[in-house]
Amino acid sequence: PVWMNEGGAQFFSIVLTNEANDEDAAYWHQLHLSSSREKITLSSRPEGVAFKDLLEDITVAETVELMTDLENQSALDNNTPYAMGLWATELLVAIMGIDTYFEFLQAFDSNTDWESALEKTYGFDKETLYSYLTPYLHWIWKTYE
């Protein structure tokens, strides 16, 4: 999915940049702050809402809808796949460590899609991952208030 391609790259860029030079951490924070100003439209919020405001009280159903949309959305449409993908990657690494995340990536081959690799490696499906992401998004919102 697009969120994983872009967010995974963001995650490793941040980790490697921060290890090399702490001064660059401000760049990444500003990048994700720019995402927070984008307007997001969901079926439950057809009028649209600023991404930052959505994070404050996003529901599990809204997280599932947003992340599902970000599976195929063009990364060039806006910054949302980068930010949401970063946070989903952070969560996957936090749950079972970096080695398990690498096992997840290695589980992809021509016969295995990402959803099957997720279930095989982590033992849960994408809807469960997206539901786990919801309280993390609430916590992230507090860093942007």
N, C-alpha and C. Protein backbone atom coordinates (compact mmCIF):
# COMPACT_ATOMS: atom_id res chain seq x y z
N PRO A 1 0.83 -1.22 0.00
CA PRO A 1 0.00 0.00 0.00
C PRO A 1 0.87 1.27 0.00
N VAL A 2 0.30 2.33 -0.53
CA VAL A 2 1.04 3.59 -0.62
C VAL A 2 1.49 4.07 0.75
N TRP A 3 0.59 3.98 1.76
CA TRP A 3 0.98 4.48 3.08
C TRP A 3 2.21 3.75 3.61
N MET A 4 2.33 2.45 3.29
CA MET A 4 3.47 1.69 3.80
C MET A 4 4.75 2.04 3.03
N ASN A 5 4.65 2.20 1.71
CA ASN A 5 5.83 2.59 0.93
C ASN A 5 6.37 3.94 1.39
N GLU A 6 5.49 4.91 1.47
CA GLU A 6 5.93 6.27 1.82
C GLU A 6 6.23 6.40 3.31
N GLY A 7 5.37 5.85 4.15
CA GLY A 7 5.57 5.94 5.59
C GLY A 7 6.77 5.16 6.09
N GLY A 8 7.01 3.99 5.48
CA GLY A 8 8.19 3.22 5.85
C GLY A 8 9.46 3.97 5.51
N ALA A 9 9.47 4.59 4.33
CA ALA A 9 10.64 5.41 3.95
C ALA A 9 10.82 6.58 4.90
N GLN A 10 9.71 7.21 5.29
CA GLN A 10 9.77 8.31 6.26
C GLN A 10 10.36 7.82 7.58
N PHE A 11 9.86 6.69 8.05
CA PHE A 11 10.32 6.15 9.33
C PHE A 11 11.83 5.96 9.33
N PHE A 12 12.34 5.28 8.31
CA PHE A 12 13.77 5.00 8.28
C PHE A 12 14.58 6.26 8.02
N SER A 13 14.05 7.19 7.25
CA SER A 13 14.75 8.47 7.05
C SER A 13 14.90 9.21 8.37
N ILE A 14 13.83 9.22 9.15
CA ILE A 14 13.88 9.90 10.44
C ILE A 14 14.85 9.22 11.39
N VAL A 15 14.75 7.90 11.47
CA VAL A 15 15.63 7.16 12.39
C VAL A 15 17.09 7.37 12.01
N LEU A 16 17.41 7.24 10.73
CA LEU A 16 18.80 7.39 10.31
C LEU A 16 19.27 8.83 10.40
N THR A 17 18.41 9.78 10.07
CA THR A 17 18.78 11.19 10.16
C THR A 17 19.01 11.60 11.60
N ASN A 18 18.11 11.19 12.48
CA ASN A 18 18.25 11.56 13.89
C ASN A 18 19.49 10.94 14.51
N GLU A 19 19.84 9.74 14.09
CA GLU A 19 21.05 9.13 14.63
C GLU A 19 22.29 9.86 14.12
N ALA A 20 22.21 10.38 12.90
CA ALA A 20 23.37 11.06 12.32
C ALA A 20 23.48 12.51 12.79
N ASN A 21 22.32 13.17 13.01
CA ASN A 21 22.35 14.59 13.30
C ASN A 21 21.01 15.02 13.90
N ASP A 22 20.97 15.23 15.19
CA ASP A 22 19.72 15.59 15.87
C ASP A 22 19.09 16.88 15.35
N GLU A 23 19.87 17.76 14.77
CA GLU A 23 19.33 19.02 14.29
C GLU A 23 18.30 18.83 13.18
N ASP A 24 18.40 17.73 12.43
CA ASP A 24 17.48 17.48 11.34
C ASP A 24 16.10 17.01 11.80
N ALA A 25 15.95 16.68 13.07
CA ALA A 25 14.66 16.23 13.57
C ALA A 25 13.60 17.30 13.39
N ALA A 26 13.97 18.56 13.48
CA ALA A 26 13.01 19.67 13.31
C ALA A 26 12.40 19.65 11.92
N TYR A 27 13.17 19.27 10.91
CA TYR A 27 12.65 19.19 9.54
C TYR A 27 11.49 18.21 9.48
N TRP A 28 11.65 17.04 10.07
CA TRP A 28 10.61 16.01 9.99
C TRP A 28 9.37 16.45 10.76
N HIS A 29 9.57 17.09 11.89
CA HIS A 29 8.42 17.57 12.65
C HIS A 29 7.64 18.59 11.82
N GLN A 30 8.32 19.50 11.16
CA GLN A 30 7.66 20.49 10.32
C GLN A 30 6.95 19.84 9.13
N LEU A 31 7.54 18.82 8.56
CA LEU A 31 6.91 18.11 7.45
C LEU A 31 5.56 17.54 7.88
N HIS A 32 5.52 16.93 9.05
CA HIS A 32 4.27 16.34 9.51
C HIS A 32 3.29 17.40 9.99
N LEU A 33 3.79 18.51 10.46
CA LEU A 33 2.89 19.62 10.79
C LEU A 33 2.20 20.13 9.53
N SER A 34 2.90 20.12 8.39
CA SER A 34 2.26 20.56 7.15
C SER A 34 1.12 19.62 6.78
N SER A 35 1.24 18.34 7.07
CA SER A 35 0.15 17.39 6.83
C SER A 35 -1.05 17.74 7.68
N SER A 36 -0.80 18.25 8.87
CA SER A 36 -1.89 18.49 9.81
C SER A 36 -2.86 19.56 9.32
N ARG A 37 -2.44 20.38 8.37
CA ARG A 37 -3.31 21.45 7.86
C ARG A 37 -4.16 21.01 6.67
N GLU A 38 -3.88 19.84 6.11
CA GLU A 38 -4.63 19.36 4.96
C GLU A 38 -6.07 19.02 5.35
N LYS A 39 -6.97 19.15 4.41
CA LYS A 39 -8.37 18.84 4.65
C LYS A 39 -8.66 17.40 4.24
N ILE A 40 -9.28 16.66 5.12
CA ILE A 40 -9.61 15.25 4.90
C ILE A 40 -11.14 15.13 4.82
N THR A 41 -11.62 14.39 3.84
CA THR A 41 -13.05 14.13 3.72
C THR A 41 -13.28 12.63 3.92
N LEU A 42 -14.17 12.30 4.84
CA LEU A 42 -14.55 10.91 5.10
C LEU A 42 -16.06 10.80 4.99
N SER A 43 -16.57 9.59 4.88
CA SER A 43 -18.02 9.43 4.78
C SER A 43 -18.73 9.99 6.00
N SER A 44 -18.09 9.94 7.16
CA SER A 44 -18.69 10.47 8.39
C SER A 44 -18.50 11.98 8.52
N ARG A 45 -17.65 12.54 7.69
CA ARG A 45 -17.37 13.99 7.71
C ARG A 45 -17.29 14.50 6.27
N PRO A 46 -18.42 14.46 5.56
CA PRO A 46 -18.40 14.83 4.14
C PRO A 46 -18.02 16.28 3.88
N GLU A 47 -18.17 17.13 4.87
CA GLU A 47 -17.80 18.53 4.71
C GLU A 47 -16.29 18.73 4.79
N GLY A 48 -15.59 17.72 5.24
CA GLY A 48 -14.15 17.78 5.37
C GLY A 48 -13.73 18.37 6.72
N VAL A 49 -12.55 17.98 7.15
CA VAL A 49 -12.01 18.44 8.42
C VAL A 49 -10.49 18.52 8.29
N ALA A 50 -9.89 19.48 8.95
CA ALA A 50 -8.42 19.56 8.94
C ALA A 50 -7.86 18.29 9.55
N PHE A 51 -6.81 17.77 8.94
CA PHE A 51 -6.19 16.53 9.39
C PHE A 51 -5.87 16.57 10.88
N LYS A 52 -5.31 17.68 11.34
CA LYS A 52 -4.97 17.83 12.76
C LYS A 52 -6.21 17.66 13.63
N ASP A 53 -7.32 18.30 13.24
CA ASP A 53 -8.54 18.21 14.03
C ASP A 53 -9.14 16.81 13.99
N LEU A 54 -8.97 16.13 12.88
CA LEU A 54 -9.45 14.75 12.77
C LEU A 54 -8.75 13.85 13.78
N LEU A 55 -7.45 14.05 13.96
CA LEU A 55 -6.68 13.19 14.86
C LEU A 55 -7.16 13.27 16.30
N GLU A 56 -7.73 14.40 16.67
CA GLU A 56 -8.15 14.58 18.06
C GLU A 56 -9.19 13.54 18.48
N ASP A 57 -10.15 13.28 17.60
CA ASP A 57 -11.24 12.38 18.01
C ASP A 57 -11.60 11.35 16.94
N ILE A 58 -10.63 11.01 16.10
CA ILE A 58 -10.87 10.03 15.05
C ILE A 58 -11.36 8.72 15.67
N THR A 59 -12.34 8.12 15.04
CA THR A 59 -12.87 6.85 15.52
C THR A 59 -12.15 5.70 14.83
N VAL A 60 -12.34 4.50 15.35
CA VAL A 60 -11.75 3.32 14.71
C VAL A 60 -12.29 3.20 13.28
N ALA A 61 -13.59 3.38 13.09
CA ALA A 61 -14.16 3.28 11.75
C ALA A 61 -13.55 4.30 10.80
N GLU A 62 -13.30 5.51 11.29
CA GLU A 62 -12.69 6.55 10.45
C GLU A 62 -11.23 6.22 10.13
N THR A 63 -10.52 5.66 11.10
CA THR A 63 -9.13 5.26 10.85
C THR A 63 -9.09 4.18 9.79
N VAL A 64 -9.97 3.19 9.91
CA VAL A 64 -10.03 2.11 8.92
C VAL A 64 -10.34 2.68 7.54
N GLU A 65 -11.31 3.58 7.45
CA GLU A 65 -11.66 4.19 6.16
C GLU A 65 -10.49 4.97 5.58
N LEU A 66 -9.85 5.80 6.40
CA LEU A 66 -8.75 6.63 5.93
C LEU A 66 -7.58 5.76 5.46
N MET A 67 -7.18 4.80 6.28
CA MET A 67 -6.04 3.97 5.92
C MET A 67 -6.34 3.11 4.70
N THR A 68 -7.57 2.64 4.58
CA THR A 68 -7.95 1.86 3.39
C THR A 68 -7.85 2.74 2.15
N ASP A 69 -8.32 3.99 2.25
CA ASP A 69 -8.18 4.92 1.13
C ASP A 69 -6.70 5.16 0.78
N LEU A 70 -5.86 5.18 1.81
CA LEU A 70 -4.43 5.46 1.59
C LEU A 70 -3.66 4.25 1.06
N GLU A 71 -4.31 3.12 0.96
CA GLU A 71 -3.64 1.96 0.40
C GLU A 71 -3.33 2.16 -1.08
N ASN A 72 -4.20 2.89 -1.77
CA ASN A 72 -4.05 3.04 -3.22
C ASN A 72 -3.96 4.48 -3.69
N GLN A 73 -4.10 5.43 -2.79
CA GLN A 73 -4.05 6.85 -3.16
C GLN A 73 -2.67 7.22 -3.67
N SER A 74 -2.63 8.08 -4.65
CA SER A 74 -1.34 8.57 -5.14
C SER A 74 -0.63 9.33 -4.03
N ALA A 75 0.64 9.04 -3.87
CA ALA A 75 1.44 9.74 -2.86
C ALA A 75 1.60 11.21 -3.20
N LEU A 76 1.34 11.55 -4.45
CA LEU A 76 1.50 12.94 -4.87
C LEU A 76 0.28 13.79 -4.57
N ASP A 77 -0.83 13.17 -4.16
CA ASP A 77 -2.06 13.92 -3.88
C ASP A 77 -1.90 14.88 -2.71
N ASN A 78 -1.24 14.40 -1.65
CA ASN A 78 -1.03 15.23 -0.46
C ASN A 78 -0.03 14.52 0.45
N ASN A 79 0.21 15.08 1.62
CA ASN A 79 1.20 14.50 2.54
C ASN A 79 0.62 13.43 3.47
N THR A 80 -0.68 13.22 3.44
CA THR A 80 -1.31 12.30 4.38
C THR A 80 -0.73 10.88 4.34
N PRO A 81 -0.47 10.28 3.16
CA PRO A 81 0.11 8.93 3.18
C PRO A 81 1.47 8.87 3.88
N TYR A 82 2.21 9.95 3.81
CA TYR A 82 3.53 9.99 4.46
C TYR A 82 3.37 9.99 5.98
N ALA A 83 2.52 10.87 6.49
CA ALA A 83 2.34 10.98 7.93
C ALA A 83 1.67 9.73 8.50
N MET A 84 0.55 9.32 7.90
CA MET A 84 -0.16 8.15 8.42
C MET A 84 0.69 6.89 8.29
N GLY A 85 1.42 6.78 7.19
CA GLY A 85 2.30 5.63 7.01
C GLY A 85 3.45 5.61 8.00
N LEU A 86 3.99 6.78 8.29
CA LEU A 86 5.04 6.88 9.31
C LEU A 86 4.50 6.37 10.64
N TRP A 87 3.34 6.86 11.03
CA TRP A 87 2.80 6.49 12.34
C TRP A 87 2.40 5.02 12.40
N ALA A 88 1.89 4.48 11.30
CA ALA A 88 1.57 3.05 11.27
C ALA A 88 2.85 2.21 11.36
N THR A 89 3.91 2.66 10.67
CA THR A 89 5.18 1.95 10.74
C THR A 89 5.77 2.02 12.15
N GLU A 90 5.71 3.21 12.75
CA GLU A 90 6.18 3.34 14.15
C GLU A 90 5.45 2.36 15.05
N LEU A 91 4.15 2.25 14.85
CA LEU A 91 3.34 1.35 15.68
C LEU A 91 3.75 -0.10 15.47
N LEU A 92 3.91 -0.51 14.21
CA LEU A 92 4.33 -1.89 13.94
C LEU A 92 5.68 -2.20 14.57
N VAL A 93 6.61 -1.26 14.50
CA VAL A 93 7.93 -1.47 15.11
C VAL A 93 7.80 -1.51 16.62
N ALA A 94 6.95 -0.64 17.18
CA ALA A 94 6.77 -0.59 18.64
C ALA A 94 6.13 -1.87 19.17
N ILE A 95 5.24 -2.47 18.40
CA ILE A 95 4.52 -3.67 18.87
C ILE A 95 5.46 -4.85 19.06
N MET A 96 6.31 -5.13 18.06
CA MET A 96 7.13 -6.34 18.13
C MET A 96 8.58 -6.14 17.73
N GLY A 97 9.00 -4.90 17.55
CA GLY A 97 10.41 -4.64 17.28
C GLY A 97 10.75 -4.56 15.80
N ILE A 98 11.93 -4.05 15.55
CA ILE A 98 12.40 -3.82 14.19
C ILE A 98 12.65 -5.12 13.44
N ASP A 99 13.13 -6.15 14.13
CA ASP A 99 13.39 -7.42 13.45
C ASP A 99 12.10 -8.01 12.90
N THR A 100 11.02 -7.92 13.66
CA THR A 100 9.74 -8.43 13.18
C THR A 100 9.25 -7.61 11.99
N TYR A 101 9.47 -6.29 12.03
CA TYR A 101 9.09 -5.46 10.89
C TYR A 101 9.85 -5.89 9.63
N PHE A 102 11.14 -6.19 9.77
CA PHE A 102 11.91 -6.67 8.62
C PHE A 102 11.39 -8.03 8.14
N GLU A 103 11.00 -8.90 9.07
CA GLU A 103 10.40 -10.18 8.68
C GLU A 103 9.12 -9.94 7.87
N PHE A 104 8.33 -8.98 8.32
CA PHE A 104 7.10 -8.61 7.61
C PHE A 104 7.43 -8.19 6.18
N LEU A 105 8.41 -7.32 6.00
CA LEU A 105 8.78 -6.87 4.66
C LEU A 105 9.31 -8.03 3.81
N GLN A 106 10.06 -8.93 4.44
CA GLN A 106 10.62 -10.07 3.70
C GLN A 106 9.56 -11.10 3.33
N ALA A 107 8.42 -11.07 4.01
CA ALA A 107 7.36 -12.03 3.74
C ALA A 107 6.66 -11.76 2.40
N PHE A 108 6.92 -10.59 1.82
CA PHE A 108 6.37 -10.27 0.50
C PHE A 108 7.13 -11.06 -0.57
N ASP A 109 6.39 -11.65 -1.45
CA ASP A 109 6.98 -12.22 -2.66
C ASP A 109 5.88 -12.23 -3.72
N SER A 110 6.15 -12.80 -4.84
CA SER A 110 5.17 -12.75 -5.93
C SER A 110 3.87 -13.49 -5.60
N ASN A 111 3.91 -14.35 -4.59
CA ASN A 111 2.71 -15.11 -4.22
C ASN A 111 2.05 -14.62 -2.94
N THR A 112 2.62 -13.62 -2.28
CA THR A 112 2.10 -13.17 -0.99
C THR A 112 1.84 -11.67 -1.04
N ASP A 113 0.59 -11.29 -0.76
CA ASP A 113 0.27 -9.87 -0.69
C ASP A 113 0.58 -9.34 0.71
N TRP A 114 0.54 -8.03 0.87
CA TRP A 114 0.93 -7.42 2.13
C TRP A 114 0.00 -7.81 3.26
N GLU A 115 -1.29 -8.00 2.96
CA GLU A 115 -2.24 -8.37 4.01
C GLU A 115 -1.94 -9.76 4.56
N SER A 116 -1.61 -10.69 3.66
CA SER A 116 -1.25 -12.04 4.12
C SER A 116 0.06 -12.01 4.90
N ALA A 117 1.01 -11.19 4.44
CA ALA A 117 2.29 -11.06 5.16
C ALA A 117 2.07 -10.48 6.55
N LEU A 118 1.17 -9.50 6.66
CA LEU A 118 0.85 -8.91 7.96
C LEU A 118 0.29 -9.95 8.91
N GLU A 119 -0.68 -10.72 8.43
CA GLU A 119 -1.29 -11.75 9.28
C GLU A 119 -0.28 -12.82 9.66
N LYS A 120 0.55 -13.22 8.71
CA LYS A 120 1.56 -14.26 8.99
C LYS A 120 2.57 -13.77 10.02
N THR A 121 3.04 -12.54 9.87
CA THR A 121 4.10 -12.02 10.72
C THR A 121 3.60 -11.54 12.07
N TYR A 122 2.51 -10.78 12.06
CA TYR A 122 2.02 -10.14 13.29
C TYR A 122 0.86 -10.88 13.94
N GLY A 123 0.16 -11.72 13.18
CA GLY A 123 -0.94 -12.47 13.75
C GLY A 123 -2.25 -11.70 13.80
N PHE A 124 -2.34 -10.59 13.08
CA PHE A 124 -3.61 -9.86 13.01
C PHE A 124 -3.78 -9.28 11.60
N ASP A 125 -5.03 -8.92 11.28
CA ASP A 125 -5.34 -8.41 9.95
C ASP A 125 -5.22 -6.89 9.90
N LYS A 126 -5.42 -6.32 8.71
CA LYS A 126 -5.23 -4.88 8.54
C LYS A 126 -6.24 -4.07 9.32
N GLU A 127 -7.47 -4.55 9.46
CA GLU A 127 -8.46 -3.80 10.23
C GLU A 127 -8.04 -3.70 11.70
N THR A 128 -7.43 -4.76 12.21
CA THR A 128 -6.94 -4.74 13.59
C THR A 128 -5.77 -3.75 13.71
N LEU A 129 -4.86 -3.78 12.74
CA LEU A 129 -3.77 -2.81 12.74
C LEU A 129 -4.33 -1.39 12.76
N TYR A 130 -5.29 -1.12 11.89
CA TYR A 130 -5.86 0.22 11.80
C TYR A 130 -6.59 0.60 13.09
N SER A 131 -7.22 -0.38 13.74
CA SER A 131 -7.87 -0.08 15.02
C SER A 131 -6.85 0.21 16.11
N TYR A 132 -5.71 -0.50 16.11
CA TYR A 132 -4.63 -0.22 17.06
C TYR A 132 -4.06 1.19 16.85
N LEU A 133 -4.11 1.65 15.61
CA LEU A 133 -3.55 2.95 15.27
C LEU A 133 -4.37 4.09 15.87
N THR A 134 -5.66 3.89 16.07
CA THR A 134 -6.55 4.97 16.51
C THR A 134 -6.10 5.63 17.82
N PRO A 135 -5.88 4.91 18.91
CA PRO A 135 -5.44 5.60 20.14
C PRO A 135 -4.06 6.25 19.98
N TYR A 136 -3.22 5.69 19.13
CA TYR A 136 -1.92 6.30 18.86
C TYR A 136 -2.11 7.65 18.18
N LEU A 137 -3.08 7.74 17.27
CA LEU A 137 -3.37 9.01 16.61
C LEU A 137 -3.87 10.06 17.60
N HIS A 138 -4.66 9.62 18.57
CA HIS A 138 -5.11 10.56 19.62
C HIS A 138 -3.91 11.10 20.39
N TRP A 139 -2.96 10.23 20.69
CA TRP A 139 -1.76 10.67 21.40
C TRP A 139 -0.94 11.62 20.54
N ILE A 140 -0.80 11.30 19.26
CA ILE A 140 -0.04 12.17 18.34
C ILE A 140 -0.69 13.54 18.26
N TRP A 141 -2.02 13.59 18.24
CA TRP A 141 -2.72 14.88 18.17
C TRP A 141 -2.25 15.83 19.27
N LYS A 142 -2.00 15.28 20.44
CA LYS A 142 -1.56 16.12 21.57
C LYS A 142 -0.21 16.77 21.30
N THR A 143 0.62 16.14 20.47
CA THR A 143 1.93 16.75 20.16
C THR A 143 1.79 17.91 19.19
N TYR A 144 0.64 18.00 18.51
CA TYR A 144 0.42 19.04 17.52
C TYR A 144 -0.52 20.12 18.01
N GLU A 145 -1.05 20.02 19.26
CA GLU A 145 -1.98 21.05 19.70
C GLU A 145 -1.29 22.35 19.99
